[in-house]
Amino acid sequence: MVPKRIIAEGDLVAVHSHCNDTPGERGRAVLDLFRARDGKIVEHGDAAQDVPETSANDHTMF
């Protein structure tokens, strides 16, 4: 998994990554959301979506 964007504010952190388990395939876009407190992760949630073959606009996921 390769992080593409990391965004943080206060105790919230979002990590947007490109996960590709098989070379030559498009892979998945993954968003991990973390809440940190006292240097530890206290909450975590994630969402994943297959990278589409085409995009409806010029701004692709990666």
PDB file of N, CA and C in Angstrom:
ATOM      1  N   MET A   1       0.855  -1.160   0.000  1.00  0.00           N
ATOM      2  CA  MET A   1       0.000   0.000   0.000  1.00  0.00           C
ATOM      3  C   MET A   1       0.908   1.231   0.000  1.00  0.00           C
ATOM      4  N   VAL A   2       0.597   2.166  -0.880  1.00  0.00           N
ATOM      5  CA  VAL A   2       1.402   3.379  -1.023  1.00  0.00           C
ATOM      6  C   VAL A   2       0.547   4.589  -0.647  1.00  0.00           C
ATOM      7  N   PRO A   3       0.872   5.278   0.460  1.00  0.00           N
ATOM      8  CA  PRO A   3       0.126   6.495   0.792  1.00  0.00           C
ATOM      9  C   PRO A   3       0.345   7.574  -0.268  1.00  0.00           C
ATOM     10  N   LYS A   4      -0.744   8.198  -0.709  1.00  0.00           N
ATOM     11  CA  LYS A   4      -0.672   9.270  -1.704  1.00  0.00           C
ATOM     12  C   LYS A   4      -0.911  10.626  -1.060  1.00  0.00           C
ATOM     13  N   ARG A   5      -1.775  10.668  -0.045  1.00  0.00           N
ATOM     14  CA  ARG A   5      -2.085  11.915   0.651  1.00  0.00           C
ATOM     15  C   ARG A   5      -2.268  11.613   2.132  1.00  0.00           C
ATOM     16  N   ILE A   6      -1.749  12.476   2.979  1.00  0.00           N
ATOM     17  CA  ILE A   6      -1.975  12.397   4.418  1.00  0.00           C
ATOM     18  C   ILE A   6      -2.422  13.783   4.860  1.00  0.00           C
ATOM     19  N   ILE A   7      -3.587  13.843   5.479  1.00  0.00           N
ATOM     20  CA  ILE A   7      -4.165  15.112   5.907  1.00  0.00           C
ATOM     21  C   ILE A   7      -4.503  14.984   7.385  1.00  0.00           C
ATOM     22  N   ALA A   8      -4.101  15.985   8.172  1.00  0.00           N
ATOM     23  CA  ALA A   8      -4.367  15.934   9.607  1.00  0.00           C
ATOM     24  C   ALA A   8      -4.793  17.301  10.117  1.00  0.00           C
ATOM     25  N   GLU A   9      -5.702  17.268  11.081  1.00  0.00           N
ATOM     26  CA  GLU A   9      -6.096  18.485  11.789  1.00  0.00           C
ATOM     27  C   GLU A   9      -6.573  18.077  13.173  1.00  0.00           C
ATOM     28  N   GLY A  10      -6.032  18.724  14.174  1.00  0.00           N
ATOM     29  CA  GLY A  10      -6.399  18.355  15.536  1.00  0.00           C
ATOM     30  C   GLY A  10      -6.040  16.904  15.806  1.00  0.00           C
ATOM     31  N   ASP A  11      -7.018  16.119  16.251  1.00  0.00           N
ATOM     32  CA  ASP A  11      -6.749  14.712  16.556  1.00  0.00           C
ATOM     33  C   ASP A  11      -7.199  13.769  15.439  1.00  0.00           C
ATOM     34  N   LEU A  12      -7.582  14.316  14.273  1.00  0.00           N
ATOM     35  CA  LEU A  12      -8.044  13.495  13.149  1.00  0.00           C
ATOM     36  C   LEU A  12      -6.979  13.410  12.062  1.00  0.00           C
ATOM     37  N   VAL A  13      -6.798  12.214  11.523  1.00  0.00           N
ATOM     38  CA  VAL A  13      -5.831  11.981  10.446  1.00  0.00           C
ATOM     39  C   VAL A  13      -6.522  11.165   9.361  1.00  0.00           C
ATOM     40  N   ALA A  14      -6.377  11.596   8.104  1.00  0.00           N
ATOM     41  CA  ALA A  14      -6.892  10.856   6.948  1.00  0.00           C
ATOM     42  C   ALA A  14      -5.709  10.460   6.072  1.00  0.00           C
ATOM     43  N   VAL A  15      -5.679   9.196   5.665  1.00  0.00           N
ATOM     44  CA  VAL A  15      -4.623   8.693   4.786  1.00  0.00           C
ATOM     45  C   VAL A  15      -5.287   8.098   3.553  1.00  0.00           C
ATOM     46  N   HIS A  16      -4.985   8.660   2.374  1.00  0.00           N
ATOM     47  CA  HIS A  16      -5.512   8.186   1.088  1.00  0.00           C
ATOM     48  C   HIS A  16      -4.398   7.390   0.426  1.00  0.00           C
ATOM     49  N   SER A  17      -4.636   6.107   0.176  1.00  0.00           N
ATOM     50  CA  SER A  17      -3.593   5.220  -0.323  1.00  0.00           C
ATOM     51  C   SER A  17      -4.028   4.487  -1.579  1.00  0.00           C
ATOM     52  N   HIS A  18      -3.033   4.016  -2.318  1.00  0.00           N
ATOM     53  CA  HIS A  18      -3.254   3.165  -3.485  1.00  0.00           C
ATOM     54  C   HIS A  18      -2.731   1.785  -3.128  1.00  0.00           C
ATOM     55  N   CYS A  19      -3.625   0.810  -3.084  1.00  0.00           N
ATOM     56  CA  CYS A  19      -3.273  -0.565  -2.737  1.00  0.00           C
ATOM     57  C   CYS A  19      -3.328  -1.408  -4.003  1.00  0.00           C
ATOM     58  N   ASN A  20      -2.223  -2.040  -4.333  1.00  0.00           N
ATOM     59  CA  ASN A  20      -2.166  -2.876  -5.526  1.00  0.00           C
ATOM     60  C   ASN A  20      -1.483  -4.183  -5.162  1.00  0.00           C
ATOM     61  N   ASP A  21      -2.293  -5.240  -4.974  1.00  0.00           N
ATOM     62  CA  ASP A  21      -1.766  -6.543  -4.580  1.00  0.00           C
ATOM     63  C   ASP A  21      -1.207  -7.336  -5.749  1.00  0.00           C
ATOM     64  N   THR A  22      -1.673  -7.050  -6.968  1.00  0.00           N
ATOM     65  CA  THR A  22      -1.262  -7.807  -8.144  1.00  0.00           C
ATOM     66  C   THR A  22      -0.680  -6.853  -9.184  1.00  0.00           C
ATOM     67  N   PRO A  23       0.594  -7.022  -9.546  1.00  0.00           N
ATOM     68  CA  PRO A  23       1.186  -6.148 -10.561  1.00  0.00           C
ATOM     69  C   PRO A  23       0.381  -6.176 -11.859  1.00  0.00           C
ATOM     70  N   GLY A  24       0.231  -5.003 -12.467  1.00  0.00           N
ATOM     71  CA  GLY A  24      -0.493  -4.899 -13.723  1.00  0.00           C
ATOM     72  C   GLY A  24      -1.978  -4.620 -13.565  1.00  0.00           C
ATOM     73  N   GLU A  25      -2.515  -4.744 -12.353  1.00  0.00           N
ATOM     74  CA  GLU A  25      -3.925  -4.425 -12.125  1.00  0.00           C
ATOM     75  C   GLU A  25      -4.046  -3.004 -11.586  1.00  0.00           C
ATOM     76  N   ARG A  26      -5.236  -2.427 -11.671  1.00  0.00           N
ATOM     77  CA  ARG A  26      -5.447  -1.044 -11.235  1.00  0.00           C
ATOM     78  C   ARG A  26      -5.425  -0.905  -9.721  1.00  0.00           C
ATOM     79  N   GLY A  27      -5.832  -1.926  -8.999  1.00  0.00           N
ATOM     80  CA  GLY A  27      -5.798  -1.895  -7.544  1.00  0.00           C
ATOM     81  C   GLY A  27      -7.012  -1.229  -6.933  1.00  0.00           C
ATOM     82  N   ARG A  28      -6.842  -0.774  -5.676  1.00  0.00           N
ATOM     83  CA  ARG A  28      -7.934  -0.164  -4.918  1.00  0.00           C
ATOM     84  C   ARG A  28      -7.484   1.160  -4.322  1.00  0.00           C
ATOM     85  N   ALA A  29      -8.425   2.074  -4.204  1.00  0.00           N
ATOM     86  CA  ALA A  29      -8.210   3.313  -3.462  1.00  0.00           C
ATOM     87  C   ALA A  29      -8.708   3.054  -2.046  1.00  0.00           C
ATOM     88  N   VAL A  30      -7.895   3.405  -1.066  1.00  0.00           N
ATOM     89  CA  VAL A  30      -8.238   3.146   0.330  1.00  0.00           C
ATOM     90  C   VAL A  30      -8.155   4.458   1.107  1.00  0.00           C
ATOM     91  N   LEU A  31      -9.137   4.712   1.941  1.00  0.00           N
ATOM     92  CA  LEU A  31      -9.125   5.865   2.829  1.00  0.00           C
ATOM     93  C   LEU A  31      -9.185   5.345   4.256  1.00  0.00           C
ATOM     94  N   ASP A  32      -8.171   5.664   5.040  1.00  0.00           N
ATOM     95  CA  ASP A  32      -8.139   5.322   6.460  1.00  0.00           C
ATOM     96  C   ASP A  32      -8.343   6.597   7.255  1.00  0.00           C
ATOM     97  N   LEU A  33      -9.233   6.546   8.234  1.00  0.00           N
ATOM     98  CA  LEU A  33      -9.478   7.679   9.120  1.00  0.00           C
ATOM     99  C   LEU A  33      -9.077   7.266  10.535  1.00  0.00           C
ATOM    100  N   PHE A  34      -8.247   8.081  11.161  1.00  0.00           N
ATOM    101  CA  PHE A  34      -7.754   7.791  12.502  1.00  0.00           C
ATOM    102  C   PHE A  34      -8.081   8.948  13.433  1.00  0.00           C
ATOM    103  N   ARG A  35      -8.321   8.632  14.695  1.00  0.00           N
ATOM    104  CA  ARG A  35      -8.375   9.629  15.753  1.00  0.00           C
ATOM    105  C   ARG A  35      -7.254   9.250  16.719  1.00  0.00           C
ATOM    106  N   ALA A  36      -6.378  10.207  16.994  1.00  0.00           N
ATOM    107  CA  ALA A  36      -5.227   9.952  17.863  1.00  0.00           C
ATOM    108  C   ALA A  36      -5.378  10.723  19.165  1.00  0.00           C
ATOM    109  N   ARG A  37      -4.917  10.092  20.241  1.00  0.00           N
ATOM    110  CA  ARG A  37      -4.938  10.751  21.548  1.00  0.00           C
ATOM    111  C   ARG A  37      -3.748  10.243  22.350  1.00  0.00           C
ATOM    112  N   ASP A  38      -2.968  11.158  22.870  1.00  0.00           N
ATOM    113  CA  ASP A  38      -1.783  10.820  23.674  1.00  0.00           C
ATOM    114  C   ASP A  38      -0.829   9.896  22.918  1.00  0.00           C
ATOM    115  N   GLY A  39      -0.664  10.157  21.622  1.00  0.00           N
ATOM    116  CA  GLY A  39       0.273   9.390  20.807  1.00  0.00           C
ATOM    117  C   GLY A  39      -0.209   7.999  20.426  1.00  0.00           C
ATOM    118  N   LYS A  40      -1.489   7.704  20.648  1.00  0.00           N
ATOM    119  CA  LYS A  40      -2.033   6.380  20.316  1.00  0.00           C
ATOM    120  C   LYS A  40      -3.271   6.533  19.435  1.00  0.00           C
ATOM    121  N   ILE A  41      -3.518   5.546  18.601  1.00  0.00           N
ATOM    122  CA  ILE A  41      -4.733   5.515  17.794  1.00  0.00           C
ATOM    123  C   ILE A  41      -5.868   5.027  18.686  1.00  0.00           C
ATOM    124  N   VAL A  42      -6.911   5.848  18.828  1.00  0.00           N
ATOM    125  CA  VAL A  42      -8.036   5.465  19.679  1.00  0.00           C
ATOM    126  C   VAL A  42      -9.284   5.105  18.869  1.00  0.00           C
ATOM    127  N   GLU A  43      -9.323   5.515  17.591  1.00  0.00           N
ATOM    128  CA  GLU A  43     -10.413   5.133  16.691  1.00  0.00           C
ATOM    129  C   GLU A  43      -9.842   4.946  15.295  1.00  0.00           C
ATOM    130  N   HIS A  44     -10.423   4.023  14.535  1.00  0.00           N
ATOM    131  CA  HIS A  44      -9.997   3.809  13.152  1.00  0.00           C
ATOM    132  C   HIS A  44     -11.188   3.351  12.339  1.00  0.00           C
ATOM    133  N   GLY A  45     -11.289   3.873  11.145  1.00  0.00           N
ATOM    134  CA  GLY A  45     -12.291   3.433  10.188  1.00  0.00           C
ATOM    135  C   GLY A  45     -11.671   3.481   8.802  1.00  0.00           C
ATOM    136  N   ASP A  46     -12.199   2.701   7.872  1.00  0.00           N
ATOM    137  CA  ASP A  46     -11.638   2.719   6.522  1.00  0.00           C
ATOM    138  C   ASP A  46     -12.714   2.436   5.490  1.00  0.00           C
ATOM    139  N   ALA A  47     -12.388   2.799   4.263  1.00  0.00           N
ATOM    140  CA  ALA A  47     -13.242   2.521   3.119  1.00  0.00           C
ATOM    141  C   ALA A  47     -12.332   2.209   1.944  1.00  0.00           C
ATOM    142  N   ALA A  48     -12.764   1.308   1.072  1.00  0.00           N
ATOM    143  CA  ALA A  48     -11.963   0.937  -0.088  1.00  0.00           C
ATOM    144  C   ALA A  48     -12.859   0.857  -1.317  1.00  0.00           C
ATOM    145  N   GLN A  49     -12.279   1.208  -2.468  1.00  0.00           N
ATOM    146  CA  GLN A  49     -13.015   1.170  -3.737  1.00  0.00           C
ATOM    147  C   GLN A  49     -12.048   0.760  -4.834  1.00  0.00           C
ATOM    148  N   ASP A  50     -12.475  -0.123  -5.716  1.00  0.00           N
ATOM    149  CA  ASP A  50     -11.655  -0.478  -6.873  1.00  0.00           C
ATOM    150  C   ASP A  50     -11.420   0.761  -7.719  1.00  0.00           C
ATOM    151  N   VAL A  51     -10.199   0.907  -8.224  1.00  0.00           N
ATOM    152  CA  VAL A  51      -9.888   2.034  -9.103  1.00  0.00           C
ATOM    153  C   VAL A  51     -10.574   1.767 -10.437  1.00  0.00           C
ATOM    154  N   PRO A  52     -11.438   2.669 -10.891  1.00  0.00           N
ATOM    155  CA  PRO A  52     -12.156   2.437 -12.151  1.00  0.00           C
ATOM    156  C   PRO A  52     -11.229   2.533 -13.360  1.00  0.00           C
ATOM    157  N   GLU A  53     -11.619   1.869 -14.427  1.00  0.00           N
ATOM    158  CA  GLU A  53     -10.824   1.887 -15.652  1.00  0.00           C
ATOM    159  C   GLU A  53     -10.784   3.277 -16.269  1.00  0.00           C
ATOM    160  N   THR A  54     -11.909   3.989 -16.209  1.00  0.00           N
ATOM    161  CA  THR A  54     -11.968   5.348 -16.752  1.00  0.00           C
ATOM    162  C   THR A  54     -12.587   6.268 -15.709  1.00  0.00           C
ATOM    163  N   SER A  55     -12.365   7.556 -15.891  1.00  0.00           N
ATOM    164  CA  SER A  55     -12.916   8.556 -14.982  1.00  0.00           C
ATOM    165  C   SER A  55     -13.911   9.428 -15.740  1.00  0.00           C
ATOM    166  N   ALA A  56     -14.926   9.915 -15.036  1.00  0.00           N
ATOM    167  CA  ALA A  56     -15.913  10.782 -15.658  1.00  0.00           C
ATOM    168  C   ALA A  56     -15.341  12.182 -15.918  1.00  0.00           C
ATOM    169  N   ASN A  57     -14.189  12.490 -15.329  1.00  0.00           N
ATOM    170  CA  ASN A  57     -13.561  13.786 -15.566  1.00  0.00           C
ATOM    171  C   ASN A  57     -12.037  13.589 -15.687  1.00  0.00           C
ATOM    172  N   ASP A  58     -11.308  14.678 -15.802  1.00  0.00           N
ATOM    173  CA  ASP A  58      -9.847  14.592 -15.979  1.00  0.00           C
ATOM    174  C   ASP A  58      -9.100  14.369 -14.675  1.00  0.00           C
ATOM    175  N   HIS A  59      -9.801  14.347 -13.554  1.00  0.00           N
ATOM    176  CA  HIS A  59      -9.162  14.210 -12.248  1.00  0.00           C
ATOM    177  C   HIS A  59      -9.322  12.769 -11.759  1.00  0.00           C
ATOM    178  N   THR A  60      -8.354  11.936 -12.051  1.00  0.00           N
ATOM    179  CA  THR A  60      -8.410  10.543 -11.613  1.00  0.00           C
ATOM    180  C   THR A  60      -8.073  10.442 -10.144  1.00  0.00           C
ATOM    181  N   MET A  61      -8.231   9.256  -9.567  1.00  0.00           N
ATOM    182  CA  MET A  61      -7.949   9.063  -8.134  1.00  0.00           C
ATOM    183  C   MET A  61      -6.468   9.276  -7.816  1.00  0.00           C
ATOM    184  N   PHE A  62      -5.611   8.923  -8.770  1.00  0.00           N
ATOM    185  CA  PHE A  62      -4.177   9.021  -8.484  1.00  0.00           C
ATOM    186  C   PHE A  62      -3.502   9.719  -9.627  1.00  0.00           C
TER     187      PHE A  62
END
